[in-house]
C-alpha atoms as a PDB file:
ATOM      1  CA  UNK A   1     118.097 -98.787  94.988  1.00  0.00           C
ATOM      2  CA  UNK A   2     116.612 -97.141  92.081  1.00  0.00           C
ATOM      3  CA  UNK A   3     114.398 -94.440  92.325  1.00  0.00           C
ATOM      4  CA  UNK A   4     110.979 -95.200  90.632  1.00  0.00           C
ATOM      5  CA  UNK A   5     110.105 -92.378  88.016  1.00  0.00           C
ATOM      6  CA  UNK A   6     108.214 -90.186  82.431  1.00  0.00           C
ATOM      7  CA  UNK A   7     104.572 -86.174  71.746  1.00  0.00           C
ATOM      8  CA  UNK A   8     104.153 -86.756  68.346  1.00  0.00           C
ATOM      9  CA  UNK A   9     103.467 -89.752  66.919  1.00  0.00           C
ATOM     10  CA  UNK A  10     106.944 -92.375  66.864  1.00  0.00           C
ATOM     11  CA  UNK A  11     107.636 -94.581  63.927  1.00  0.00           C
ATOM     12  CA  UNK A  12     103.652 -94.750  63.713  1.00  0.00           C
ATOM     13  CA  UNK A  13     102.965 -97.029  66.562  1.00  0.00           C
ATOM     14  CA  UNK A  14     103.039 -94.186  69.868  1.00  0.00           C
ATOM     15  CA  UNK A  15     100.879 -91.666  70.854  1.00  0.00           C
ATOM     16  CA  UNK A  16     102.274 -89.885  73.457  1.00  0.00           C
ATOM     17  CA  UNK A  17      99.687 -87.600  75.384  1.00  0.00           C
ATOM     18  CA  UNK A  18     100.851 -85.291  78.670  1.00  0.00           C
ATOM     19  CA  UNK A  19      98.385 -85.289  81.635  1.00  0.00           C
ATOM     20  CA  UNK A  20      98.195 -83.790  84.997  1.00  0.00           C
ATOM     21  CA  UNK A  21      98.029 -86.212  87.981  1.00  0.00           C
ATOM     22  CA  UNK A  22      94.508 -85.270  89.058  1.00  0.00           C
ATOM     23  CA  UNK A  23      93.143 -88.560  89.948  1.00  0.00           C
ATOM     24  CA  UNK A  24      90.761 -88.443  86.753  1.00  0.00           C
ATOM     25  CA  UNK A  25      90.246 -92.032  85.723  1.00  0.00           C
ATOM     26  CA  UNK A  26      89.769 -93.158  81.959  1.00  0.00           C
ATOM     27  CA  UNK A  27      88.942 -96.494  80.736  1.00  0.00           C
ATOM     28  CA  UNK A  28      91.485 -98.819  80.267  1.00  0.00           C
ATOM     29  CA  UNK A  29      91.901 -99.726  76.302  1.00  0.00           C
ATOM     30  CA  UNK A  30      93.609-103.260  75.583  1.00  0.00           C
ATOM     31  CA  UNK A  31      95.365-101.409  72.885  1.00  0.00           C
ATOM     32  CA  UNK A  32      97.168 -98.796  75.142  1.00  0.00           C
ATOM     33  CA  UNK A  33      99.683 -98.996  77.348  1.00  0.00           C
ATOM     34  CA  UNK A  34      99.436 -96.330  79.670  1.00  0.00           C
ATOM     35  CA  UNK A  35     102.931 -95.304  81.177  1.00  0.00           C
ATOM     36  CA  UNK A  36     103.149 -92.818  84.058  1.00  0.00           C
ATOM     37  CA  UNK A  37     106.399 -90.782  84.078  1.00  0.00           C
ATOM     38  CA  UNK A  38     107.709 -88.396  86.222  1.00  0.00           C
ATOM     39  CA  UNK A  39     108.922 -84.496  84.859  1.00  0.00           C
ATOM     40  CA  UNK A  40     111.410 -84.493  87.290  1.00  0.00           C
ATOM     41  CA  UNK A  41     113.271 -87.588  87.510  1.00  0.00           C
ATOM     42  CA  UNK A  42     116.242 -86.974  85.048  1.00  0.00           C
ATOM     43  CA  UNK A  43     117.548 -88.524  83.647  1.00  0.00           C
ATOM     44  CA  UNK A  44     114.963 -91.496  83.652  1.00  0.00           C
ATOM     45  CA  UNK A  45     112.159 -89.325  82.522  1.00  0.00           C
ATOM     46  CA  UNK A  46     111.722 -85.529  82.090  1.00  0.00           C
ATOM     47  CA  UNK A  47     109.193 -82.989  80.921  1.00  0.00           C
ATOM     48  CA  UNK A  48     110.778 -83.039  77.996  1.00  0.00           C
ATOM     49  CA  UNK A  49     110.111 -87.141  77.538  1.00  0.00           C
ATOM     50  CA  UNK A  50     114.217 -87.407  76.554  1.00  0.00           C
ATOM     51  CA  UNK A  51     114.779 -89.861  79.592  1.00  0.00           C
ATOM     52  CA  UNK A  52     116.049 -93.162  78.773  1.00  0.00           C
ATOM     53  CA  UNK A  53     112.973 -94.526  80.151  1.00  0.00           C
ATOM     54  CA  UNK A  54     110.886 -92.752  78.560  1.00  0.00           C
ATOM     55  CA  UNK A  55     112.560 -93.868  75.183  1.00  0.00           C
ATOM     56  CA  UNK A  56     112.654 -97.852  76.719  1.00  0.00           C
ATOM     57  CA  UNK A  57     109.220 -97.008  76.972  1.00  0.00           C
ATOM     58  CA  UNK A  58     108.596 -96.058  73.460  1.00  0.00           C
ATOM     59  CA  UNK A  59     110.212 -99.444  72.363  1.00  0.00           C
ATOM     60  CA  UNK A  60     108.254-101.313  74.798  1.00  0.00           C
ATOM     61  CA  UNK A  61     105.059 -99.836  72.983  1.00  0.00           C
ATOM     62  CA  UNK A  62     106.394-100.142  69.654  1.00  0.00           C
ATOM     63  CA  UNK A  63     107.930-104.266  70.145  1.00  0.00           C
ATOM     64  CA  UNK A  64     104.392-105.137  71.597  1.00  0.00           C
ATOM     65  CA  UNK A  65     102.214-103.142  68.698  1.00  0.00           C
ATOM     66  CA  UNK A  66     100.384-100.968  71.123  1.00  0.00           C
ATOM     67  CA  UNK A  67      99.944 -97.186  71.304  1.00  0.00           C
ATOM     68  CA  UNK A  68     101.775 -95.350  74.034  1.00  0.00           C
ATOM     69  CA  UNK A  69     100.374 -92.926  76.264  1.00  0.00           C
ATOM     70  CA  UNK A  70     102.375 -91.088  78.527  1.00  0.00           C
ATOM     71  CA  UNK A  71     101.031 -89.798  81.598  1.00  0.00           C
ATOM     72  CA  UNK A  72     103.166 -86.892  82.653  1.00  0.00           C
ATOM     73  CA  UNK A  73     102.994 -86.649  86.297  1.00  0.00           C
ATOM     74  CA  UNK A  74     104.185 -83.649  88.076  1.00  0.00           C
ATOM     75  CA  UNK A  75     105.857 -84.927  91.313  1.00  0.00           C
ATOM     76  CA  UNK A  76     108.775 -87.506  92.105  1.00  0.00           C
ATOM     77  CA  UNK A  77     109.164 -90.417  90.987  1.00  0.00           C
ATOM     78  CA  UNK A  78     108.483 -92.147  94.140  1.00  0.00           C
ATOM     79  CA  UNK A  79     104.817 -90.733  93.913  1.00  0.00           C
ATOM     80  CA  UNK A  80     104.235 -92.699  90.857  1.00  0.00           C
ATOM     81  CA  UNK A  81     102.779 -95.331  92.278  1.00  0.00           C
ATOM     82  CA  UNK A  82     100.376 -93.995  94.683  1.00  0.00           C
ATOM     83  CA  UNK A  83      99.340 -91.433  92.497  1.00  0.00           C
ATOM     84  CA  UNK A  84      99.629 -92.731  89.100  1.00  0.00           C
ATOM     85  CA  UNK A  85      98.914 -96.364  89.195  1.00  0.00           C
ATOM     86  CA  UNK A  86      96.556 -96.252  92.604  1.00  0.00           C
ATOM     87  CA  UNK A  87      93.921 -93.615  90.696  1.00  0.00           C
ATOM     88  CA  UNK A  88      93.999 -95.895  87.408  1.00  0.00           C
ATOM     89  CA  UNK A  89      95.212 -93.244  85.159  1.00  0.00           C
ATOM     90  CA  UNK A  90      98.179 -95.099  84.263  1.00  0.00           C
ATOM     91  CA  UNK A  91      98.990 -99.078  84.183  1.00  0.00           C
ATOM     92  CA  UNK A  92     102.744 -99.096  83.735  1.00  0.00           C
ATOM     93  CA  UNK A  93     105.813 -98.038  85.753  1.00  0.00           C
ATOM     94  CA  UNK A  94     109.428 -98.089  83.337  1.00  0.00           C
ATOM     95  CA  UNK A  95     111.979 -98.913  85.947  1.00  0.00           C
ATOM     96  CA  UNK A  96     111.326-100.313  89.292  1.00  0.00           C
ATOM     97  CA  UNK A  97     113.065-103.191  91.051  1.00  0.00           C
ATOM     98  CA  UNK A  98     112.283-106.450  90.266  1.00  0.00           C
ATOM     99  CA  UNK A  99     109.803-107.921  92.648  1.00  0.00           C
ATOM    100  CA  UNK A 100     108.502-104.887  93.944  1.00  0.00           C
ATOM    101  CA  UNK A 101     105.643-105.752  96.071  1.00  0.00           C
ATOM    102  CA  UNK A 102     102.816-103.458  95.173  1.00  0.00           C
ATOM    103  CA  UNK A 103     102.729-104.386  91.652  1.00  0.00           C
ATOM    104  CA  UNK A 104     103.576-106.647  88.593  1.00  0.00           C
ATOM    105  CA  UNK A 105     106.909-106.680  87.884  1.00  0.00           C
ATOM    106  CA  UNK A 106     108.152-107.826  83.913  1.00  0.00           C
ATOM    107  CA  UNK A 107     111.198-109.926  83.659  1.00  0.00           C
ATOM    108  CA  UNK A 108     114.559-107.724  84.233  1.00  0.00           C
ATOM    109  CA  UNK A 109     115.996-105.805  80.998  1.00  0.00           C
ATOM    110  CA  UNK A 110     119.337-104.760  82.738  1.00  0.00           C
ATOM    111  CA  UNK A 111     121.222-105.228  85.773  1.00  0.00           C
ATOM    112  CA  UNK A 112     123.417-102.124  87.223  1.00  0.00           C
ATOM    113  CA  UNK A 113     124.867-101.370  90.566  1.00  0.00           C
ATOM    114  CA  UNK A 114     125.242 -98.537  93.144  1.00  0.00           C
ATOM    115  CA  UNK A 115     129.302 -96.297  92.158  1.00  0.00           C
ATOM    116  CA  UNK A 116     131.463 -94.164  93.306  1.00  0.00           C
ATOM    117  CA  UNK A 117     132.396 -91.216  90.957  1.00  0.00           C
ATOM    118  CA  UNK A 118     135.507 -89.373  90.896  1.00  0.00           C
ATOM    119  CA  UNK A 119     137.385 -87.200  89.471  1.00  0.00           C
ATOM    120  CA  UNK A 120     139.881 -89.112  87.272  1.00  0.00           C
ATOM    121  CA  UNK A 121     143.060 -86.783  88.301  1.00  0.00           C
ATOM    122  CA  UNK A 122     142.002 -88.086  91.813  1.00  0.00           C
ATOM    123  CA  UNK A 123     142.950 -91.636  90.866  1.00  0.00           C
ATOM    124  CA  UNK A 124     140.666 -92.552  93.200  1.00  0.00           C
ATOM    125  CA  UNK A 125     140.742 -96.724  93.870  1.00  0.00           C
ATOM    126  CA  UNK A 126     138.038 -99.229  95.220  1.00  0.00           C
ATOM    127  CA  UNK A 127     135.515-101.113  94.646  1.00  0.00           C
ATOM    128  CA  UNK A 128     133.892-101.926  97.661  1.00  0.00           C
ATOM    129  CA  UNK A 129     131.640 -99.722  99.935  1.00  0.00           C
ATOM    130  CA  UNK A 130     134.488 -99.770 102.307  1.00  0.00           C
ATOM    131  CA  UNK A 131     136.968 -98.523 100.087  1.00  0.00           C
ATOM    132  CA  UNK A 132     135.517 -95.046 100.932  1.00  0.00           C
ATOM    133  CA  UNK A 133     137.646 -94.993 103.842  1.00  0.00           C
ATOM    134  CA  UNK A 134     140.801 -93.563 102.186  1.00  0.00           C
ATOM    135  CA  UNK A 135     143.001 -90.295 102.879  1.00  0.00           C
ATOM    136  CA  UNK A 136     141.625 -87.153 100.997  1.00  0.00           C
ATOM    137  CA  UNK A 137     138.267 -88.750 100.743  1.00  0.00           C
ATOM    138  CA  UNK A 138     136.268 -86.676 102.974  1.00  0.00           C
ATOM    139  CA  UNK A 139     133.430 -84.599 101.449  1.00  0.00           C
ATOM    140  CA  UNK A 140     130.795 -87.159 100.418  1.00  0.00           C
ATOM    141  CA  UNK A 141     128.070 -86.197  97.566  1.00  0.00           C
ATOM    142  CA  UNK A 142     124.931 -88.560  97.294  1.00  0.00           C
ATOM    143  CA  UNK A 143     121.228 -88.833  97.150  1.00  0.00           C
ATOM    144  CA  UNK A 144     118.777 -89.140 100.485  1.00  0.00           C
ATOM    145  CA  UNK A 145     117.007 -92.349 100.710  1.00  0.00           C
ATOM    146  CA  UNK A 146     119.701 -94.592  99.376  1.00  0.00           C
ATOM    147  CA  UNK A 147     122.341 -96.929 100.459  1.00  0.00           C
ATOM    148  CA  UNK A 148     124.732 -94.430 100.494  1.00  0.00           C
ATOM    149  CA  UNK A 149     123.431 -93.076 103.810  1.00  0.00           C
ATOM    150  CA  UNK A 150     124.189 -95.971 104.903  1.00  0.00           C
ATOM    151  CA  UNK A 151     127.562 -96.779 103.772  1.00  0.00           C
ATOM    152  CA  UNK A 152     128.469 -93.594 105.310  1.00  0.00           C
ATOM    153  CA  UNK A 153     127.123 -94.446 108.315  1.00  0.00           C
ATOM    154  CA  UNK A 154     129.127 -97.560 108.370  1.00  0.00           C
ATOM    155  CA  UNK A 155     132.109 -95.997 107.895  1.00  0.00           C
ATOM    156  CA  UNK A 156     132.161 -93.222 110.158  1.00  0.00           C
ATOM    157  CA  UNK A 157     131.605 -90.402 107.632  1.00  0.00           C
ATOM    158  CA  UNK A 158     128.072 -89.595 108.051  1.00  0.00           C
ATOM    159  CA  UNK A 159     128.024 -86.945 110.855  1.00  0.00           C
ATOM    160  CA  UNK A 160     130.586 -85.484 109.563  1.00  0.00           C
ATOM    161  CA  UNK A 161     129.234 -85.000 106.058  1.00  0.00           C
ATOM    162  CA  UNK A 162     125.736 -84.129 107.055  1.00  0.00           C
ATOM    163  CA  UNK A 163     126.288 -80.034 106.700  1.00  0.00           C
ATOM    164  CA  UNK A 164     127.807 -80.353 103.351  1.00  0.00           C
ATOM    165  CA  UNK A 165     125.094 -82.978 102.380  1.00  0.00           C
ATOM    166  CA  UNK A 166     122.346 -80.593 103.501  1.00  0.00           C
ATOM    167  CA  UNK A 167     123.694 -77.719 101.583  1.00  0.00           C
ATOM    168  CA  UNK A 168     123.021 -79.639  98.437  1.00  0.00           C
ATOM    169  CA  UNK A 169     119.432 -78.757  99.470  1.00  0.00           C
ATOM    170  CA  UNK A 170     119.802 -75.749 100.575  1.00  0.00           C
ATOM    171  CA  UNK A 171     119.152 -77.186 104.190  1.00  0.00           C
ATOM    172  CA  UNK A 172     115.723 -77.717 103.816  1.00  0.00           C
ATOM    173  CA  UNK A 173     114.277 -79.658 106.420  1.00  0.00           C
ATOM    174  CA  UNK A 174     113.552 -83.202 105.791  1.00  0.00           C
ATOM    175  CA  UNK A 175     110.995 -84.104 108.193  1.00  0.00           C
ATOM    176  CA  UNK A 176     107.001 -84.701 106.990  1.00  0.00           C
ATOM    177  CA  UNK A 177     108.289 -84.114 103.435  1.00  0.00           C
ATOM    178  CA  UNK A 178     109.855 -85.963 100.254  1.00  0.00           C
ATOM    179  CA  UNK A 179     113.592 -83.886  99.994  1.00  0.00           C
ATOM    180  CA  UNK A 180     115.994 -84.762  97.218  1.00  0.00           C
ATOM    181  CA  UNK A 181     119.099 -83.955  96.172  1.00  0.00           C
ATOM    182  CA  UNK A 182     119.112 -84.352  92.289  1.00  0.00           C
ATOM    183  CA  UNK A 183     121.596 -86.374  90.804  1.00  0.00           C
ATOM    184  CA  UNK A 184     122.928 -84.049  88.180  1.00  0.00           C
ATOM    185  CA  UNK A 185     123.786 -81.809  90.890  1.00  0.00           C
ATOM    186  CA  UNK A 186     125.441 -84.757  92.750  1.00  0.00           C
ATOM    187  CA  UNK A 187     127.714 -85.118  90.118  1.00  0.00           C
ATOM    188  CA  UNK A 188     128.363 -81.868  89.649  1.00  0.00           C
ATOM    189  CA  UNK A 189     129.459 -81.202  93.273  1.00  0.00           C
ATOM    190  CA  UNK A 190     132.754 -83.946  92.218  1.00  0.00           C
ATOM    191  CA  UNK A 191     133.284 -82.312  88.706  1.00  0.00           C
ATOM    192  CA  UNK A 192     134.030 -79.198  90.426  1.00  0.00           C
ATOM    193  CA  UNK A 193     136.068 -80.624  93.085  1.00  0.00           C
ATOM    194  CA  UNK A 194     133.334 -79.590  96.194  1.00  0.00           C
ATOM    195  CA  UNK A 195     132.899 -83.162  97.261  1.00  0.00           C
ATOM    196  CA  UNK A 196     135.365 -85.762  96.719  1.00  0.00           C
ATOM    197  CA  UNK A 197     133.419 -88.921  96.102  1.00  0.00           C
ATOM    198  CA  UNK A 198     129.946 -89.070  95.065  1.00  0.00           C
ATOM    199  CA  UNK A 199     127.977 -92.562  95.658  1.00  0.00           C
ATOM    200  CA  UNK A 200     124.806 -92.866  93.520  1.00  0.00           C
ATOM    201  CA  UNK A 201     122.899 -95.363  91.390  1.00  0.00           C
ATOM    202  CA  UNK A 202     125.028 -96.407  88.348  1.00  0.00           C
ATOM    203  CA  UNK A 203     122.083 -95.216  85.630  1.00  0.00           C
ATOM    204  CA  UNK A 204     120.563 -91.928  87.635  1.00  0.00           C
ATOM    205  CA  UNK A 205     124.655 -90.559  87.102  1.00  0.00           C
ATOM    206  CA  UNK A 206     125.633 -92.256  83.862  1.00  0.00           C
ATOM    207  CA  UNK A 207     124.648 -89.416  81.658  1.00  0.00           C
ATOM    208  CA  UNK A 208     126.219 -87.035  83.396  1.00  0.00           C
ATOM    209  CA  UNK A 209     129.356 -88.591  83.630  1.00  0.00           C
ATOM    210  CA  UNK A 210     129.353 -89.100  80.599  1.00  0.00           C
ATOM    211  CA  UNK A 211     129.023 -85.063  79.683  1.00  0.00           C
ATOM    212  CA  UNK A 212     131.040 -83.567  82.240  1.00  0.00           C
ATOM    213  CA  UNK A 213     133.736 -81.132  81.106  1.00  0.00           C
ATOM    214  CA  UNK A 214     136.215 -82.542  83.990  1.00  0.00           C
ATOM    215  CA  UNK A 215     137.395 -86.457  83.124  1.00  0.00           C
ATOM    216  CA  UNK A 216     135.481 -88.202  86.072  1.00  0.00           C
ATOM    217  CA  UNK A 217     135.317 -92.555  86.546  1.00  0.00           C
ATOM    218  CA  UNK A 218     132.721 -94.361  87.854  1.00  0.00           C
ATOM    219  CA  UNK A 219     133.282 -97.669  89.696  1.00  0.00           C
ATOM    220  CA  UNK A 220     130.264-100.385  90.454  1.00  0.00           C
ATOM    221  CA  UNK A 221     130.410-101.271  93.734  1.00  0.00           C
ATOM    222  CA  UNK A 222     130.301-104.814  93.660  1.00  0.00           C
ATOM    223  CA  UNK A 223     130.081-105.880  97.377  1.00  0.00           C
ATOM    224  CA  UNK A 224     126.708-105.530  99.731  1.00  0.00           C
ATOM    225  CA  UNK A 225     126.139-104.191 103.150  1.00  0.00           C
ATOM    226  CA  UNK A 226     125.863-107.006 105.833  1.00  0.00           C
ATOM    227  CA  UNK A 227     124.250-105.479 109.260  1.00  0.00           C
ATOM    228  CA  UNK A 228     125.301-106.641 112.133  1.00  0.00           C
ATOM    229  CA  UNK A 229     121.601-107.816 113.162  1.00  0.00           C
ATOM    230  CA  UNK A 230     121.691-110.224 109.888  1.00  0.00           C
ATOM    231  CA  UNK A 231     119.836-107.488 107.430  1.00  0.00           C
ATOM    232  CA  UNK A 232     121.455-107.233 103.962  1.00  0.00           C
ATOM    233  CA  UNK A 233     121.432-104.220 102.115  1.00  0.00           C
ATOM    234  CA  UNK A 234     122.365-104.978  98.427  1.00  0.00           C
ATOM    235  CA  UNK A 235     123.991-102.423  96.401  1.00  0.00           C
ATOM    236  CA  UNK A 236     123.107-104.381  92.995  1.00  0.00           C
ATOM    237  CA  UNK A 237     119.878-103.979  91.721  1.00  0.00           C
ATOM    238  CA  UNK A 238     117.647-105.551  88.616  1.00  0.00           C
ATOM    239  CA  UNK A 239     115.305-103.374  86.773  1.00  0.00           C
ATOM    240  CA  UNK A 240     112.037-104.345  85.552  1.00  0.00           C
ATOM    241  CA  UNK A 241     108.936-102.835  83.993  1.00  0.00           C
ATOM    242  CA  UNK A 242     105.967-102.639  87.041  1.00  0.00           C
ATOM    243  CA  UNK A 243     102.430-103.050  85.710  1.00  0.00           C
ATOM    244  CA  UNK A 244      99.361-102.749  87.864  1.00  0.00           C
ATOM    245  CA  UNK A 245      97.826-105.911  89.819  1.00  0.00           C
ATOM    246  CA  UNK A 246      95.081-106.263  87.765  1.00  0.00           C
ATOM    247  CA  UNK A 247      96.526-105.877  84.110  1.00  0.00           C
ATOM    248  CA  UNK A 248      98.388-109.534  84.026  1.00  0.00           C
ATOM    249  CA  UNK A 249      97.878-109.909  79.582  1.00  0.00           C
ATOM    250  CA  UNK A 250      99.196-106.343  79.716  1.00  0.00           C
ATOM    251  CA  UNK A 251     102.666-107.894  81.574  1.00  0.00           C
ATOM    252  CA  UNK A 252     102.150-110.408  79.224  1.00  0.00           C
ATOM    253  CA  UNK A 253     102.789-108.487  75.993  1.00  0.00           C
ATOM    254  CA  UNK A 254     105.517-106.644  78.290  1.00  0.00           C
ATOM    255  CA  UNK A 255     107.464-109.715  78.845  1.00  0.00           C
ATOM    256  CA  UNK A 256     107.435-110.642  75.088  1.00  0.00           C
ATOM    257  CA  UNK A 257     108.359-106.747  73.844  1.00  0.00           C
ATOM    258  CA  UNK A 258     111.301-106.549  76.399  1.00  0.00           C
ATOM    259  CA  UNK A 259     112.551-109.935  74.734  1.00  0.00           C
ATOM    260  CA  UNK A 260     111.948-108.906  71.312  1.00  0.00           C
ATOM    261  CA  UNK A 261     113.409-105.440  71.888  1.00  0.00           C
ATOM    262  CA  UNK A 262     116.604-106.612  73.941  1.00  0.00           C
ATOM    263  CA  UNK A 263     119.169-105.359  71.499  1.00  0.00           C
ATOM    264  CA  UNK A 264     117.431-101.643  70.959  1.00  0.00           C
ATOM    265  CA  UNK A 265     116.988-101.525  74.638  1.00  0.00           C
ATOM    266  CA  UNK A 266     120.319-102.542  74.932  1.00  0.00           C
ATOM    267  CA  UNK A 267     121.134-100.049  72.879  1.00  0.00           C
ATOM    268  CA  UNK A 268     119.547 -96.871  74.506  1.00  0.00           C
ATOM    269  CA  UNK A 269     121.662 -97.976  77.726  1.00  0.00           C
ATOM    270  CA  UNK A 270     125.240 -98.448  75.715  1.00  0.00           C
ATOM    271  CA  UNK A 271     124.375 -94.865  74.481  1.00  0.00           C
ATOM    272  CA  UNK A 272     123.321 -93.583  77.791  1.00  0.00           C
ATOM    273  CA  UNK A 273     127.038 -95.062  79.359  1.00  0.00           C
ATOM    274  CA  UNK A 274     124.916 -96.910  81.981  1.00  0.00           C
ATOM    275  CA  UNK A 275     127.240-100.076  82.730  1.00  0.00           C
ATOM    276  CA  UNK A 276     125.155-103.191  83.640  1.00  0.00           C
ATOM    277  CA  UNK A 277     126.190-106.028  85.530  1.00  0.00           C
ATOM    278  CA  UNK A 278     125.399-110.295  84.371  1.00  0.00           C
ATOM    279  CA  UNK A 279     121.774-110.662  85.580  1.00  0.00           C
ATOM    280  CA  UNK A 280     121.913-113.215  88.629  1.00  0.00           C
END
């Protein structure tokens, strides 16, 4: 699934403020949208505020007539709810899975899927997760804590790939700490030929696939993982805006802004090169 995630005056409506995530609290202003944004979540959000979710936050605030306060958190995006919303330094996180139970979620504004990333000169063909089981495809790069690990386990490739995958984080121990492979690193491994195939959420990969000097292709995975115990692991996800439980009025404004600004948001996704799917 997609990971959670980021100053000047923009269009007269947006004010971005960089604040450390120290747990300080500020009084909520009904005319301000405080968005927690990770500095370590490219391409979603970056320290330079050039992530595509940063741009979407600007659009939402502009459409809603709100001042945007971008609260930059110097931690991985997975900590934004705990260290952001729960500490009351923000009310909003851009880009969460639809229906995330930790907060209120907006109507989804786009839907995408996990994808294979391959060099064009390899001629990879396949659009189901089972299609990694092909001759000549033995080394796989992926991000931890994702369905990619399950795909490799169910394909019998996980153990064989463990040493290579661990090398992508310099063999850092994953126990009792959050360890992650940057999306850009996954794509670079494929581009350089060190990995036969990359497996990651398409929005994470799109920017780096587009900017790669080596021509790459990205193929959305069209099926889902159905485990033997009956549990289904989806490989397609709708993305929403997360809002603190005690801010339903803000959620209403955000939903309206997502509708009125849908064309502007779509333009951002298209410029980023993100492949999207029809909403369910």
